[in-house]
Amino acid sequence: MPCAWITHRDCLLHEMGQGHPECPERLDAISDHLLAQGVMGLLIPYDAPPATVEQLERAHTAHHVLEMLAASPAEGYVHVDPDTSMNPHTMNAALRSAGAAVLATDLVLKGEVRSAFCAVRPPGHHATRDAPMGFCFFNNVAVGIRHALDVHGLERVALIDFDVHHGNGSEDILASDPRVLMASTFQRGLYPFQGDEPKGLNMVNVGLPSGATGEELRAAVREYWLPALEAFRPQLVYISAGFDAHQADDMAGLRWQESDYAWVTAEMVQVAHRHCGGRVISMLEGGYHLHALARSVAAHVRELVAA
């Protein structure tokens, strides 16, 4: 069964000023590399639709949704967080990014594809129920998860987050929801300076020290993630796929390589095969060294395709 590739040209129009690391070139680097490597031909392309207010409000407060919609500028930039700003195209991109998660959920649960990779920006996992932060406006993956739970009626959904920065927004939204198990790794002592104390019993947070390699990732997965996932038996697996733990990415201090992303993806695909027919939905989060990002996404997507 094929893997979906979900994106939209609106995601290229959002930008936050010259030199900002979360830039449109991220998506160009990914798509160019996947084309050059022959991976793109293995994927089924879809345009991401805009998320509706109803879909957003399953993960966010009505106030937050209205505030973000109202903040969209006619020209120039509006700062909504010290490192996060909107241009006139940002809201369209943010709506498409959240809508990609909804579409991916529908496609996978209807059996049209087995897996999906959402090549979208802005990212989402730092956006909390009621605030934007960390380059994020809406929590894309949480919108998708709540769509799976509340619309499709799933009872157990897993979220895997291997971005170098803790997915504090996802934890804020999903903590203590017994229908969700969130397992994450992140670099300790790094933005957003959270994660060491889980906010709910359904959170499996594993902080890693600066300098940790893929061996520490593998140990965390084997010791903490896999036992929790096997006991939980998810009906669908989501991945917040951040690639900024790569050793070439200077946003942080972990030392992962493409092979580590391939390994962790393969492990999560095997969990999905054991419990939910191989159903996996991956959302792009961080990753700011363009060449390392492109290579890492290719390694990740190859494992999704192979599933």
C-alpha atoms as a PDB file:
ATOM      1  CA  MET A   1       0.000   0.000   0.000  1.00  0.00           C
ATOM      2  CA  PRO A   2       1.443   3.438  -0.923  1.00  0.00           C
ATOM      3  CA  CYS A   3       2.745   6.298   1.196  1.00  0.00           C
ATOM      4  CA  ALA A   4       1.192   9.754   0.793  1.00  0.00           C
ATOM      5  CA  TRP A   5       3.242  12.927   0.326  1.00  0.00           C
ATOM      6  CA  ILE A   6       1.157  15.863   1.563  1.00  0.00           C
ATOM      7  CA  THR A   7       2.221  19.469   1.091  1.00  0.00           C
ATOM      8  CA  HIS A   8       1.050  22.749  -0.459  1.00  0.00           C
ATOM      9  CA  ARG A   9       2.718  25.661  -2.222  1.00  0.00           C
ATOM     10  CA  ASP A  10       1.297  28.030   0.431  1.00  0.00           C
ATOM     11  CA  CYS A  11       3.797  26.484   2.853  1.00  0.00           C
ATOM     12  CA  LEU A  12       6.590  28.076   0.779  1.00  0.00           C
ATOM     13  CA  LEU A  13       5.146  31.591   1.093  1.00  0.00           C
ATOM     14  CA  HIS A  14       5.357  31.855   4.872  1.00  0.00           C
ATOM     15  CA  GLU A  15       8.653  33.376   5.995  1.00  0.00           C
ATOM     16  CA  MET A  16       9.807  35.256   9.072  1.00  0.00           C
ATOM     17  CA  GLY A  17      12.535  37.504   7.723  1.00  0.00           C
ATOM     18  CA  GLN A  18      15.991  37.189   6.240  1.00  0.00           C
ATOM     19  CA  GLY A  19      18.238  34.759   8.076  1.00  0.00           C
ATOM     20  CA  HIS A  20      15.485  33.045  10.053  1.00  0.00           C
ATOM     21  CA  PRO A  21      16.293  29.331  10.323  1.00  0.00           C
ATOM     22  CA  GLU A  22      12.692  28.204   9.766  1.00  0.00           C
ATOM     23  CA  CYS A  23      12.705  29.206   6.107  1.00  0.00           C
ATOM     24  CA  PRO A  24      10.969  28.144   2.870  1.00  0.00           C
ATOM     25  CA  GLU A  25      14.223  26.663   1.580  1.00  0.00           C
ATOM     26  CA  ARG A  26      13.716  23.787   4.006  1.00  0.00           C
ATOM     27  CA  LEU A  27      10.919  22.353   1.879  1.00  0.00           C
ATOM     28  CA  ASP A  28      12.787  23.013  -1.361  1.00  0.00           C
ATOM     29  CA  ALA A  29      15.839  21.157  -0.054  1.00  0.00           C
ATOM     30  CA  ILE A  30      13.720  18.168   0.931  1.00  0.00           C
ATOM     31  CA  SER A  31      11.764  17.891  -2.302  1.00  0.00           C
ATOM     32  CA  ASP A  32      14.833  18.434  -4.487  1.00  0.00           C
ATOM     33  CA  HIS A  33      16.757  15.691  -2.695  1.00  0.00           C
ATOM     34  CA  LEU A  34      13.871  13.233  -2.779  1.00  0.00           C
ATOM     35  CA  LEU A  35      13.480  13.857  -6.499  1.00  0.00           C
ATOM     36  CA  ALA A  36      17.214  13.382  -7.120  1.00  0.00           C
ATOM     37  CA  GLN A  37      17.245  10.159  -5.094  1.00  0.00           C
ATOM     38  CA  GLY A  38      14.197   8.709  -6.838  1.00  0.00           C
ATOM     39  CA  VAL A  39      12.182   8.638  -3.614  1.00  0.00           C
ATOM     40  CA  MET A  40       9.527  11.107  -4.762  1.00  0.00           C
ATOM     41  CA  GLY A  41       8.402   8.709  -7.461  1.00  0.00           C
ATOM     42  CA  LEU A  42       7.459   6.203  -4.753  1.00  0.00           C
ATOM     43  CA  LEU A  43       5.013   8.611  -3.082  1.00  0.00           C
ATOM     44  CA  ILE A  44       1.422   9.583  -3.854  1.00  0.00           C
ATOM     45  CA  PRO A  45       1.154  13.410  -3.855  1.00  0.00           C
ATOM     46  CA  TYR A  46      -1.734  15.294  -2.253  1.00  0.00           C
ATOM     47  CA  ASP A  47      -2.418  18.994  -1.723  1.00  0.00           C
ATOM     48  CA  ALA A  48      -3.003  19.872   1.913  1.00  0.00           C
ATOM     49  CA  PRO A  49      -6.419  21.463   2.500  1.00  0.00           C
ATOM     50  CA  PRO A  50      -6.873  24.263   5.034  1.00  0.00           C
ATOM     51  CA  ALA A  51      -7.967  23.101   8.470  1.00  0.00           C
ATOM     52  CA  THR A  52     -11.349  24.343   9.616  1.00  0.00           C
ATOM     53  CA  VAL A  53     -11.971  26.253  12.821  1.00  0.00           C
ATOM     54  CA  GLU A  54     -13.801  23.206  14.172  1.00  0.00           C
ATOM     55  CA  GLN A  55     -10.789  20.991  13.511  1.00  0.00           C
ATOM     56  CA  LEU A  56      -8.393  23.477  15.134  1.00  0.00           C
ATOM     57  CA  GLU A  57     -10.574  23.850  18.217  1.00  0.00           C
ATOM     58  CA  ARG A  58     -10.260  20.141  18.989  1.00  0.00           C
ATOM     59  CA  ALA A  59      -6.668  20.923  20.004  1.00  0.00           C
ATOM     60  CA  HIS A  60      -6.776  24.666  20.785  1.00  0.00           C
ATOM     61  CA  THR A  61      -8.960  27.084  22.666  1.00  0.00           C
ATOM     62  CA  ALA A  62     -11.414  29.120  20.620  1.00  0.00           C
ATOM     63  CA  HIS A  63      -9.620  32.251  21.832  1.00  0.00           C
ATOM     64  CA  HIS A  64      -6.281  31.083  20.455  1.00  0.00           C
ATOM     65  CA  VAL A  65      -7.731  30.206  17.069  1.00  0.00           C
ATOM     66  CA  LEU A  66      -9.505  33.548  16.755  1.00  0.00           C
ATOM     67  CA  GLU A  67      -6.421  35.428  17.956  1.00  0.00           C
ATOM     68  CA  MET A  68      -4.206  33.789  15.322  1.00  0.00           C
ATOM     69  CA  LEU A  69      -6.715  34.411  12.541  1.00  0.00           C
ATOM     70  CA  ALA A  70      -7.083  38.051  13.564  1.00  0.00           C
ATOM     71  CA  ALA A  71      -3.317  38.620  13.830  1.00  0.00           C
ATOM     72  CA  SER A  72      -2.629  37.999  10.136  1.00  0.00           C
ATOM     73  CA  PRO A  73      -1.102  41.197   8.686  1.00  0.00           C
ATOM     74  CA  ALA A  74      -1.971  42.788   5.351  1.00  0.00           C
ATOM     75  CA  GLU A  75       1.733  43.557   4.861  1.00  0.00           C
ATOM     76  CA  GLY A  76       5.019  43.269   6.690  1.00  0.00           C
ATOM     77  CA  TYR A  77       5.432  41.158   9.827  1.00  0.00           C
ATOM     78  CA  VAL A  78       3.588  40.746  13.100  1.00  0.00           C
ATOM     79  CA  HIS A  79       5.474  39.140  15.996  1.00  0.00           C
ATOM     80  CA  VAL A  80       3.433  36.721  18.068  1.00  0.00           C
ATOM     81  CA  ASP A  81       6.392  35.364  20.072  1.00  0.00           C
ATOM     82  CA  PRO A  82      10.015  36.569  20.399  1.00  0.00           C
ATOM     83  CA  ASP A  83      11.193  34.228  17.612  1.00  0.00           C
ATOM     84  CA  THR A  84       7.903  33.711  15.768  1.00  0.00           C
ATOM     85  CA  SER A  85       6.247  36.121  13.363  1.00  0.00           C
ATOM     86  CA  MET A  86       3.580  36.207  10.681  1.00  0.00           C
ATOM     87  CA  ASN A  87       3.701  37.637   7.175  1.00  0.00           C
ATOM     88  CA  PRO A  88       0.585  38.020   4.969  1.00  0.00           C
ATOM     89  CA  HIS A  89       0.872  34.379   3.851  1.00  0.00           C
ATOM     90  CA  THR A  90       1.552  32.781   7.219  1.00  0.00           C
ATOM     91  CA  MET A  91      -2.019  32.029   8.177  1.00  0.00           C
ATOM     92  CA  ASN A  92      -2.720  30.230   4.904  1.00  0.00           C
ATOM     93  CA  ALA A  93       0.409  28.147   5.448  1.00  0.00           C
ATOM     94  CA  ALA A  94      -0.503  27.402   9.067  1.00  0.00           C
ATOM     95  CA  LEU A  95      -4.008  26.326   8.107  1.00  0.00           C
ATOM     96  CA  ARG A  96      -2.640  24.073   5.346  1.00  0.00           C
ATOM     97  CA  SER A  97      -0.107  22.550   7.742  1.00  0.00           C
ATOM     98  CA  ALA A  98      -2.786  21.608  10.251  1.00  0.00           C
ATOM     99  CA  GLY A  99      -5.067  20.511   7.421  1.00  0.00           C
ATOM    100  CA  ALA A 100      -2.360  18.167   6.166  1.00  0.00           C
ATOM    101  CA  ALA A 101      -2.594  16.235   9.431  1.00  0.00           C
ATOM    102  CA  VAL A 102      -6.363  15.941   9.042  1.00  0.00           C
ATOM    103  CA  LEU A 103      -6.093  14.770   5.435  1.00  0.00           C
ATOM    104  CA  ALA A 104      -3.369  12.270   6.326  1.00  0.00           C
ATOM    105  CA  THR A 105      -5.569  10.874   9.084  1.00  0.00           C
ATOM    106  CA  ASP A 106      -8.511  10.473   6.715  1.00  0.00           C
ATOM    107  CA  LEU A 107      -6.400   8.831   4.005  1.00  0.00           C
ATOM    108  CA  VAL A 108      -4.757   6.346   6.363  1.00  0.00           C
ATOM    109  CA  LEU A 109      -7.880   5.420   8.303  1.00  0.00           C
ATOM    110  CA  LYS A 110      -9.928   4.986   5.123  1.00  0.00           C
ATOM    111  CA  GLY A 111      -7.247   2.624   3.809  1.00  0.00           C
ATOM    112  CA  GLU A 112      -6.303   4.721   0.781  1.00  0.00           C
ATOM    113  CA  VAL A 113      -2.662   4.764   1.913  1.00  0.00           C
ATOM    114  CA  ARG A 114      -0.813   2.949   4.679  1.00  0.00           C
ATOM    115  CA  SER A 115       1.392   5.853   5.713  1.00  0.00           C
ATOM    116  CA  ALA A 116       1.862   9.559   5.066  1.00  0.00           C
ATOM    117  CA  PHE A 117       4.585  12.174   5.307  1.00  0.00           C
ATOM    118  CA  CYS A 118       3.412  15.772   5.644  1.00  0.00           C
ATOM    119  CA  ALA A 119       6.074  18.107   4.221  1.00  0.00           C
ATOM    120  CA  VAL A 120       4.596  21.254   5.691  1.00  0.00           C
ATOM    121  CA  ARG A 121       5.611  24.390   7.515  1.00  0.00           C
ATOM    122  CA  PRO A 122       5.196  26.171   9.852  1.00  0.00           C
ATOM    123  CA  PRO A 123       5.865  23.315  12.264  1.00  0.00           C
ATOM    124  CA  GLY A 124       3.546  22.746  15.190  1.00  0.00           C
ATOM    125  CA  HIS A 125       4.747  20.857  18.240  1.00  0.00           C
ATOM    126  CA  HIS A 126       5.555  23.914  20.386  1.00  0.00           C
ATOM    127  CA  ALA A 127       2.105  25.494  19.953  1.00  0.00           C
ATOM    128  CA  THR A 128       0.136  24.989  23.171  1.00  0.00           C
ATOM    129  CA  ARG A 129      -3.606  24.980  23.637  1.00  0.00           C
ATOM    130  CA  ASP A 130      -3.693  28.754  23.871  1.00  0.00           C
ATOM    131  CA  ALA A 131      -0.399  30.192  22.621  1.00  0.00           C
ATOM    132  CA  PRO A 132       1.971  30.179  19.650  1.00  0.00           C
ATOM    133  CA  MET A 133       5.685  29.725  20.290  1.00  0.00           C
ATOM    134  CA  GLY A 134       8.894  28.329  18.860  1.00  0.00           C
ATOM    135  CA  PHE A 135       8.083  28.955  15.164  1.00  0.00           C
ATOM    136  CA  CYS A 136       4.663  27.269  15.666  1.00  0.00           C
ATOM    137  CA  PHE A 137       1.124  28.684  15.374  1.00  0.00           C
ATOM    138  CA  PHE A 138      -1.160  25.634  15.476  1.00  0.00           C
ATOM    139  CA  ASN A 139      -0.193  22.203  16.772  1.00  0.00           C
ATOM    140  CA  ASN A 140      -0.504  20.262  13.539  1.00  0.00           C
ATOM    141  CA  VAL A 141      -0.004  16.781  14.936  1.00  0.00           C
ATOM    142  CA  ALA A 142      -2.381  17.363  17.861  1.00  0.00           C
ATOM    143  CA  VAL A 143      -5.059  18.543  15.429  1.00  0.00           C
ATOM    144  CA  GLY A 144      -4.607  15.301  13.487  1.00  0.00           C
ATOM    145  CA  ILE A 145      -4.653  13.162  16.623  1.00  0.00           C
ATOM    146  CA  ARG A 146      -7.836  14.724  17.947  1.00  0.00           C
ATOM    147  CA  HIS A 147      -9.420  14.225  14.514  1.00  0.00           C
ATOM    148  CA  ALA A 148      -8.538  10.527  14.700  1.00  0.00           C
ATOM    149  CA  LEU A 149      -9.974  10.232  18.209  1.00  0.00           C
ATOM    150  CA  ASP A 150     -13.039  12.461  18.052  1.00  0.00           C
ATOM    151  CA  VAL A 151     -14.133  12.002  14.425  1.00  0.00           C
ATOM    152  CA  HIS A 152     -12.913   8.520  13.520  1.00  0.00           C
ATOM    153  CA  GLY A 153     -13.497   7.139  16.998  1.00  0.00           C
ATOM    154  CA  LEU A 154     -10.091   5.574  17.664  1.00  0.00           C
ATOM    155  CA  GLU A 155      -9.421   4.651  21.272  1.00  0.00           C
ATOM    156  CA  ARG A 156      -5.603   4.503  21.363  1.00  0.00           C
ATOM    157  CA  VAL A 157      -3.215   6.712  19.414  1.00  0.00           C
ATOM    158  CA  ALA A 158       0.561   7.003  19.919  1.00  0.00           C
ATOM    159  CA  LEU A 159       2.638  10.117  19.274  1.00  0.00           C
ATOM    160  CA  ILE A 160       6.400   9.768  18.799  1.00  0.00           C
ATOM    161  CA  ASP A 161       8.438  12.985  18.933  1.00  0.00           C
ATOM    162  CA  PHE A 162      12.179  12.832  18.198  1.00  0.00           C
ATOM    163  CA  ASP A 163      12.784  16.533  17.566  1.00  0.00           C
ATOM    164  CA  VAL A 164      15.797  17.847  19.495  1.00  0.00           C
ATOM    165  CA  HIS A 165      13.469  20.319  21.255  1.00  0.00           C
ATOM    166  CA  HIS A 166      10.800  18.899  23.552  1.00  0.00           C
ATOM    167  CA  GLY A 167       7.291  18.987  22.089  1.00  0.00           C
ATOM    168  CA  ASN A 168       5.913  21.006  24.973  1.00  0.00           C
ATOM    169  CA  GLY A 169       2.846  22.123  23.049  1.00  0.00           C
ATOM    170  CA  SER A 170       1.851  18.567  22.220  1.00  0.00           C
ATOM    171  CA  GLU A 171       2.358  17.603  25.849  1.00  0.00           C
ATOM    172  CA  ASP A 172       0.280  20.577  27.002  1.00  0.00           C
ATOM    173  CA  ILE A 173      -2.612  19.535  24.753  1.00  0.00           C
ATOM    174  CA  LEU A 174      -2.445  15.758  25.165  1.00  0.00           C
ATOM    175  CA  ALA A 175      -1.221  15.203  28.739  1.00  0.00           C
ATOM    176  CA  SER A 176      -3.617  13.094  30.807  1.00  0.00           C
ATOM    177  CA  ASP A 177      -5.702  12.114  27.771  1.00  0.00           C
ATOM    178  CA  PRO A 178      -5.853   8.335  28.320  1.00  0.00           C
ATOM    179  CA  ARG A 179      -6.461   7.764  24.602  1.00  0.00           C
ATOM    180  CA  VAL A 180      -2.952   9.055  23.781  1.00  0.00           C
ATOM    181  CA  LEU A 181       0.543   7.818  24.604  1.00  0.00           C
ATOM    182  CA  MET A 182       3.293  10.349  23.820  1.00  0.00           C
ATOM    183  CA  ALA A 183       6.895   9.114  23.755  1.00  0.00           C
ATOM    184  CA  SER A 184       9.665  11.624  23.132  1.00  0.00           C
ATOM    185  CA  THR A 185      13.359  12.276  23.209  1.00  0.00           C
ATOM    186  CA  PHE A 186      14.938  15.726  23.355  1.00  0.00           C
ATOM    187  CA  GLN A 187      18.093  17.492  24.491  1.00  0.00           C
ATOM    188  CA  ARG A 188      17.968  18.424  28.155  1.00  0.00           C
ATOM    189  CA  GLY A 189      18.468  22.061  29.119  1.00  0.00           C
ATOM    190  CA  LEU A 190      17.428  23.290  25.682  1.00  0.00           C
ATOM    191  CA  TYR A 191      14.462  25.376  24.532  1.00  0.00           C
ATOM    192  CA  PRO A 192      11.647  25.202  25.609  1.00  0.00           C
ATOM    193  CA  PHE A 193      13.322  24.164  28.890  1.00  0.00           C
ATOM    194  CA  GLN A 194      10.582  21.650  29.684  1.00  0.00           C
ATOM    195  CA  GLY A 195      10.041  17.917  29.528  1.00  0.00           C
ATOM    196  CA  ASP A 196      12.096  16.614  32.441  1.00  0.00           C
ATOM    197  CA  GLU A 197       8.936  16.452  34.584  1.00  0.00           C
ATOM    198  CA  PRO A 198       6.138  14.793  32.560  1.00  0.00           C
ATOM    199  CA  LYS A 199       2.756  16.477  32.855  1.00  0.00           C
ATOM    200  CA  GLY A 200       0.784  13.239  32.718  1.00  0.00           C
ATOM    201  CA  LEU A 201       1.083   9.494  33.187  1.00  0.00           C
ATOM    202  CA  ASN A 202       0.662   9.089  29.423  1.00  0.00           C
ATOM    203  CA  MET A 203       3.942  10.920  28.751  1.00  0.00           C
ATOM    204  CA  VAL A 204       7.215   9.001  28.264  1.00  0.00           C
ATOM    205  CA  ASN A 205       9.782  11.816  28.185  1.00  0.00           C
ATOM    206  CA  VAL A 206      13.442  10.894  27.790  1.00  0.00           C
ATOM    207  CA  GLY A 207      15.851  13.823  27.995  1.00  0.00           C
ATOM    208  CA  LEU A 208      19.325  13.279  26.539  1.00  0.00           C
ATOM    209  CA  PRO A 209      22.530  15.171  27.366  1.00  0.00           C
ATOM    210  CA  SER A 210      24.291  17.422  24.882  1.00  0.00           C
ATOM    211  CA  GLY A 211      26.638  15.326  22.767  1.00  0.00           C
ATOM    212  CA  ALA A 212      24.447  12.227  22.858  1.00  0.00           C
ATOM    213  CA  THR A 213      24.745  10.062  19.757  1.00  0.00           C
ATOM    214  CA  GLY A 214      22.378   7.646  18.112  1.00  0.00           C
ATOM    215  CA  GLU A 215      23.395   5.010  20.633  1.00  0.00           C
ATOM    216  CA  GLU A 216      21.654   6.988  23.373  1.00  0.00           C
ATOM    217  CA  LEU A 217      18.601   7.311  21.156  1.00  0.00           C
ATOM    218  CA  ARG A 218      18.511   3.554  20.595  1.00  0.00           C
ATOM    219  CA  ALA A 219      18.888   2.859  24.304  1.00  0.00           C
ATOM    220  CA  ALA A 220      16.013   5.237  25.114  1.00  0.00           C
ATOM    221  CA  VAL A 221      13.765   3.610  22.538  1.00  0.00           C
ATOM    222  CA  ARG A 222      14.514   0.096  23.741  1.00  0.00           C
ATOM    223  CA  GLU A 223      14.326   0.840  27.464  1.00  0.00           C
ATOM    224  CA  TYR A 224      11.450   3.316  27.638  1.00  0.00           C
ATOM    225  CA  TRP A 225       9.483   3.700  24.400  1.00  0.00           C
ATOM    226  CA  LEU A 226       9.034   0.123  23.273  1.00  0.00           C
ATOM    227  CA  PRO A 227       7.708  -1.310  26.567  1.00  0.00           C
ATOM    228  CA  ALA A 228       5.206   1.536  26.848  1.00  0.00           C
ATOM    229  CA  LEU A 229       4.108   1.198  23.223  1.00  0.00           C
ATOM    230  CA  GLU A 230       3.712  -2.578  23.451  1.00  0.00           C
ATOM    231  CA  ALA A 231       1.536  -2.230  26.547  1.00  0.00           C
ATOM    232  CA  PHE A 232      -0.526   0.569  24.966  1.00  0.00           C
ATOM    233  CA  ARG A 233      -1.173  -1.212  21.631  1.00  0.00           C
ATOM    234  CA  PRO A 234      -1.802   1.888  19.483  1.00  0.00           C
ATOM    235  CA  GLN A 235      -4.359   1.837  16.690  1.00  0.00           C
ATOM    236  CA  LEU A 236      -2.438   4.553  14.821  1.00  0.00           C
ATOM    237  CA  VAL A 237       1.076   5.970  15.179  1.00  0.00           C
ATOM    238  CA  TYR A 238       1.902   9.647  14.604  1.00  0.00           C
ATOM    239  CA  ILE A 239       5.449  11.007  14.427  1.00  0.00           C
ATOM    240  CA  SER A 240       6.546  14.568  15.102  1.00  0.00           C
ATOM    241  CA  ALA A 241       9.593  14.270  12.885  1.00  0.00           C
ATOM    242  CA  GLY A 242      12.175  16.878  13.772  1.00  0.00           C
ATOM    243  CA  PHE A 243      15.634  16.435  12.268  1.00  0.00           C
ATOM    244  CA  ASP A 244      17.543  19.040  14.285  1.00  0.00           C
ATOM    245  CA  ALA A 245      19.274  16.426  16.451  1.00  0.00           C
ATOM    246  CA  HIS A 246      21.538  15.759  13.457  1.00  0.00           C
ATOM    247  CA  GLN A 247      25.207  16.309  14.227  1.00  0.00           C
ATOM    248  CA  ALA A 248      25.464  18.936  11.443  1.00  0.00           C
ATOM    249  CA  ASP A 249      22.618  21.064  12.840  1.00  0.00           C
ATOM    250  CA  ASP A 250      23.947  23.883  15.015  1.00  0.00           C
ATOM    251  CA  MET A 251      20.579  24.606  16.661  1.00  0.00           C
ATOM    252  CA  ALA A 252      21.456  22.060  19.343  1.00  0.00           C
ATOM    253  CA  GLY A 253      24.121  19.618  20.515  1.00  0.00           C
ATOM    254  CA  LEU A 254      22.995  16.062  19.749  1.00  0.00           C
ATOM    255  CA  ARG A 255      25.024  14.004  17.287  1.00  0.00           C
ATOM    256  CA  TRP A 256      22.605  11.853  15.330  1.00  0.00           C
ATOM    257  CA  GLN A 257      23.100  10.786  11.731  1.00  0.00           C
ATOM    258  CA  GLU A 258      20.797   9.767   8.894  1.00  0.00           C
ATOM    259  CA  SER A 259      21.146   6.119   9.899  1.00  0.00           C
ATOM    260  CA  ASP A 260      19.698   6.946  13.318  1.00  0.00           C
ATOM    261  CA  TYR A 261      16.596   8.484  11.774  1.00  0.00           C
ATOM    262  CA  ALA A 262      16.210   5.440   9.549  1.00  0.00           C
ATOM    263  CA  TRP A 263      16.570   3.134  12.570  1.00  0.00           C
ATOM    264  CA  VAL A 264      14.039   4.885  14.815  1.00  0.00           C
ATOM    265  CA  THR A 265      11.562   5.143  11.940  1.00  0.00           C
ATOM    266  CA  ALA A 266      11.916   1.438  11.183  1.00  0.00           C
ATOM    267  CA  GLU A 267      11.339   0.617  14.852  1.00  0.00           C
ATOM    268  CA  MET A 268       8.143   2.693  14.940  1.00  0.00           C
ATOM    269  CA  VAL A 269       6.960   1.145  11.672  1.00  0.00           C
ATOM    270  CA  GLN A 270       7.415  -2.292  13.249  1.00  0.00           C
ATOM    271  CA  VAL A 271       5.353  -1.185  16.268  1.00  0.00           C
ATOM    272  CA  ALA A 272       2.662  -0.048  13.841  1.00  0.00           C
ATOM    273  CA  HIS A 273       2.762  -3.389  12.015  1.00  0.00           C
ATOM    274  CA  ARG A 274       2.370  -5.293  15.266  1.00  0.00           C
ATOM    275  CA  HIS A 275      -0.628  -3.297  16.438  1.00  0.00           C
ATOM    276  CA  CYS A 276      -2.338  -1.292  13.679  1.00  0.00           C
ATOM    277  CA  GLY A 277      -1.607  -2.640  10.238  1.00  0.00           C
ATOM    278  CA  GLY A 278       1.461  -0.461   9.714  1.00  0.00           C
ATOM    279  CA  ARG A 279      -0.471   2.824   9.867  1.00  0.00           C
ATOM    280  CA  VAL A 280       1.953   5.731  10.438  1.00  0.00           C
ATOM    281  CA  ILE A 281       1.533   9.481   9.903  1.00  0.00           C
ATOM    282  CA  SER A 282       4.633  11.685  10.067  1.00  0.00           C
ATOM    283  CA  MET A 283       4.625  15.474  10.378  1.00  0.00           C
ATOM    284  CA  LEU A 284       7.714  17.578   9.644  1.00  0.00           C
ATOM    285  CA  GLU A 285       8.859  19.603  12.652  1.00  0.00           C
ATOM    286  CA  GLY A 286      12.423  20.970  13.008  1.00  0.00           C
ATOM    287  CA  GLY A 287      15.659  20.565  11.074  1.00  0.00           C
ATOM    288  CA  TYR A 288      17.615  23.601   9.932  1.00  0.00           C
ATOM    289  CA  HIS A 289      20.825  22.441   8.261  1.00  0.00           C
ATOM    290  CA  LEU A 290      19.421  22.109   4.760  1.00  0.00           C
ATOM    291  CA  HIS A 291      21.618  19.291   3.455  1.00  0.00           C
ATOM    292  CA  ALA A 292      21.386  17.245   6.652  1.00  0.00           C
ATOM    293  CA  LEU A 293      17.639  17.854   6.775  1.00  0.00           C
ATOM    294  CA  ALA A 294      17.141  16.642   3.211  1.00  0.00           C
ATOM    295  CA  ARG A 295      19.234  13.507   3.717  1.00  0.00           C
ATOM    296  CA  SER A 296      17.556  12.702   7.018  1.00  0.00           C
ATOM    297  CA  VAL A 297      14.044  13.116   5.629  1.00  0.00           C
ATOM    298  CA  ALA A 298      14.987  10.823   2.747  1.00  0.00           C
ATOM    299  CA  ALA A 299      16.153   8.155   5.199  1.00  0.00           C
ATOM    300  CA  HIS A 300      12.932   8.589   7.199  1.00  0.00           C
ATOM    301  CA  VAL A 301      10.624   8.468   4.189  1.00  0.00           C
ATOM    302  CA  ARG A 302      12.354   5.417   2.710  1.00  0.00           C
ATOM    303  CA  GLU A 303      11.391   3.489   5.840  1.00  0.00           C
ATOM    304  CA  LEU A 304       7.788   4.685   5.578  1.00  0.00           C
ATOM    305  CA  VAL A 305       7.681   3.590   1.934  1.00  0.00           C
ATOM    306  CA  ALA A 306       9.238   0.226   2.739  1.00  0.00           C
ATOM    307  CA  ALA A 307       6.480  -0.430   5.254  1.00  0.00           C
END
